[in-house]
Amino acid sequence: MYGACTNWAEEYFSRLRRTEPGHHHHIAGAYLLRYAQEASWREDHRRVSNGEQVHTIAALAMHKKARPDFVGYWQRHKAA
């Protein structure tokens, strides 16, 4: 396959596995997709300065509506 490399996949999954004890402390199965998306974003932007990352995230957050799957997340329950 052109453009595919198993080393890149192994590197991504290695970083994803290391985020559990390092960043998240526990990865809940219901939110596994979100954790994987965050790890992918971190992988794609790892060479961008921290200030630029914060600016990018803040700008994106200002243009998005609340996600229905995260409503009630901090209260440990989903919205009705």
C-alpha atoms as a PDB file:
ATOM      1  CA  MET A   1       0.000   0.000   0.000  1.00  0.00           C
ATOM      2  CA  TYR A   2       1.280   3.406  -0.895  1.00  0.00           C
ATOM      3  CA  GLY A   3       1.453   5.896   2.012  1.00  0.00           C
ATOM      4  CA  ALA A   4       0.709   3.350   4.728  1.00  0.00           C
ATOM      5  CA  CYS A   5       3.231   2.454   7.384  1.00  0.00           C
ATOM      6  CA  THR A   6       2.713   0.136  10.345  1.00  0.00           C
ATOM      7  CA  ASN A   7       5.249   2.126  12.335  1.00  0.00           C
ATOM      8  CA  TRP A   8       2.898   5.130  12.323  1.00  0.00           C
ATOM      9  CA  ALA A   9       0.014   2.991  13.564  1.00  0.00           C
ATOM     10  CA  GLU A  10       2.175   1.442  16.268  1.00  0.00           C
ATOM     11  CA  GLU A  11       3.383   4.894  17.343  1.00  0.00           C
ATOM     12  CA  TYR A  12      -0.202   6.198  17.565  1.00  0.00           C
ATOM     13  CA  PHE A  13      -1.435   3.247  19.629  1.00  0.00           C
ATOM     14  CA  SER A  14       1.632   3.462  21.858  1.00  0.00           C
ATOM     15  CA  ARG A  15       0.862   7.107  22.594  1.00  0.00           C
ATOM     16  CA  LEU A  16      -2.829   6.285  23.132  1.00  0.00           C
ATOM     17  CA  ARG A  17      -1.946   3.568  25.666  1.00  0.00           C
ATOM     18  CA  ARG A  18       0.419   5.917  27.512  1.00  0.00           C
ATOM     19  CA  THR A  19      -2.264   8.594  27.910  1.00  0.00           C
ATOM     20  CA  GLU A  20      -4.330   6.458  30.284  1.00  0.00           C
ATOM     21  CA  PRO A  21      -1.900   6.495  33.212  1.00  0.00           C
ATOM     22  CA  GLY A  22      -0.458   9.876  32.212  1.00  0.00           C
ATOM     23  CA  HIS A  23      -3.384  12.148  31.285  1.00  0.00           C
ATOM     24  CA  HIS A  24      -6.699  10.435  31.894  1.00  0.00           C
ATOM     25  CA  HIS A  25      -6.076   7.905  34.704  1.00  0.00           C
ATOM     26  CA  HIS A  26      -9.042   5.867  33.437  1.00  0.00           C
ATOM     27  CA  ILE A  27     -10.534   5.395  29.993  1.00  0.00           C
ATOM     28  CA  ALA A  28     -14.250   4.665  30.068  1.00  0.00           C
ATOM     29  CA  GLY A  29     -15.494   2.488  27.227  1.00  0.00           C
ATOM     30  CA  ALA A  30     -18.403   4.797  26.435  1.00  0.00           C
ATOM     31  CA  TYR A  31     -15.957   7.608  25.650  1.00  0.00           C
ATOM     32  CA  LEU A  32     -13.235   5.563  23.936  1.00  0.00           C
ATOM     33  CA  LEU A  33     -13.889   7.260  20.590  1.00  0.00           C
ATOM     34  CA  ARG A  34     -13.371  10.687  22.201  1.00  0.00           C
ATOM     35  CA  TYR A  35     -10.111   9.579  23.820  1.00  0.00           C
ATOM     36  CA  ALA A  36      -8.900   8.229  20.483  1.00  0.00           C
ATOM     37  CA  GLN A  37      -9.869  11.469  18.729  1.00  0.00           C
ATOM     38  CA  GLU A  38      -7.992  13.509  21.329  1.00  0.00           C
ATOM     39  CA  ALA A  39      -4.926  11.288  20.985  1.00  0.00           C
ATOM     40  CA  SER A  40      -5.115  11.707  17.223  1.00  0.00           C
ATOM     41  CA  TRP A  41      -5.322  15.503  17.573  1.00  0.00           C
ATOM     42  CA  ARG A  42      -2.357  15.490  19.955  1.00  0.00           C
ATOM     43  CA  GLU A  43      -0.397  13.343  17.507  1.00  0.00           C
ATOM     44  CA  ASP A  44      -1.186  15.651  14.597  1.00  0.00           C
ATOM     45  CA  HIS A  45      -0.317  18.830  16.537  1.00  0.00           C
ATOM     46  CA  ARG A  46       2.590  17.644  18.684  1.00  0.00           C
ATOM     47  CA  ARG A  47       5.059  19.949  16.934  1.00  0.00           C
ATOM     48  CA  VAL A  48       2.844  23.044  17.284  1.00  0.00           C
ATOM     49  CA  SER A  49       3.612  25.366  20.206  1.00  0.00           C
ATOM     50  CA  ASN A  50       1.392  25.115  23.298  1.00  0.00           C
ATOM     51  CA  GLY A  51       0.168  28.693  22.872  1.00  0.00           C
ATOM     52  CA  GLU A  52      -0.906  28.053  19.303  1.00  0.00           C
ATOM     53  CA  GLN A  53      -2.669  24.834  20.370  1.00  0.00           C
ATOM     54  CA  VAL A  54      -4.632  26.716  23.053  1.00  0.00           C
ATOM     55  CA  HIS A  55      -5.546  29.442  20.582  1.00  0.00           C
ATOM     56  CA  THR A  56      -6.742  26.866  18.046  1.00  0.00           C
ATOM     57  CA  ILE A  57      -8.825  24.959  20.606  1.00  0.00           C
ATOM     58  CA  ALA A  58     -10.388  28.136  21.998  1.00  0.00           C
ATOM     59  CA  ALA A  59     -11.274  29.365  18.510  1.00  0.00           C
ATOM     60  CA  LEU A  60     -12.842  26.013  17.603  1.00  0.00           C
ATOM     61  CA  ALA A  61     -14.765  25.845  20.897  1.00  0.00           C
ATOM     62  CA  MET A  62     -16.317  29.267  20.313  1.00  0.00           C
ATOM     63  CA  HIS A  63     -17.873  28.113  17.035  1.00  0.00           C
ATOM     64  CA  LYS A  64     -19.330  24.808  18.244  1.00  0.00           C
ATOM     65  CA  LYS A  65     -22.558  24.026  20.062  1.00  0.00           C
ATOM     66  CA  ALA A  66     -22.743  21.767  23.118  1.00  0.00           C
ATOM     67  CA  ARG A  67     -22.461  18.096  22.216  1.00  0.00           C
ATOM     68  CA  PRO A  68     -25.496  16.087  23.387  1.00  0.00           C
ATOM     69  CA  ASP A  69     -23.307  13.144  24.426  1.00  0.00           C
ATOM     70  CA  PHE A  70     -21.412  15.368  26.881  1.00  0.00           C
ATOM     71  CA  VAL A  71     -24.434  17.021  28.502  1.00  0.00           C
ATOM     72  CA  GLY A  72     -24.421  15.743  32.079  1.00  0.00           C
ATOM     73  CA  TYR A  73     -20.898  14.295  31.770  1.00  0.00           C
ATOM     74  CA  TRP A  74     -19.565  15.995  34.902  1.00  0.00           C
ATOM     75  CA  GLN A  75     -22.605  14.808  36.890  1.00  0.00           C
ATOM     76  CA  ARG A  76     -21.887  11.208  35.794  1.00  0.00           C
ATOM     77  CA  HIS A  77     -25.189  10.821  33.981  1.00  0.00           C
ATOM     78  CA  LYS A  78     -26.564  11.483  30.547  1.00  0.00           C
ATOM     79  CA  ALA A  79     -29.231  14.109  29.914  1.00  0.00           C
ATOM     80  CA  ALA A  80     -32.773  12.813  29.755  1.00  0.00           C
END
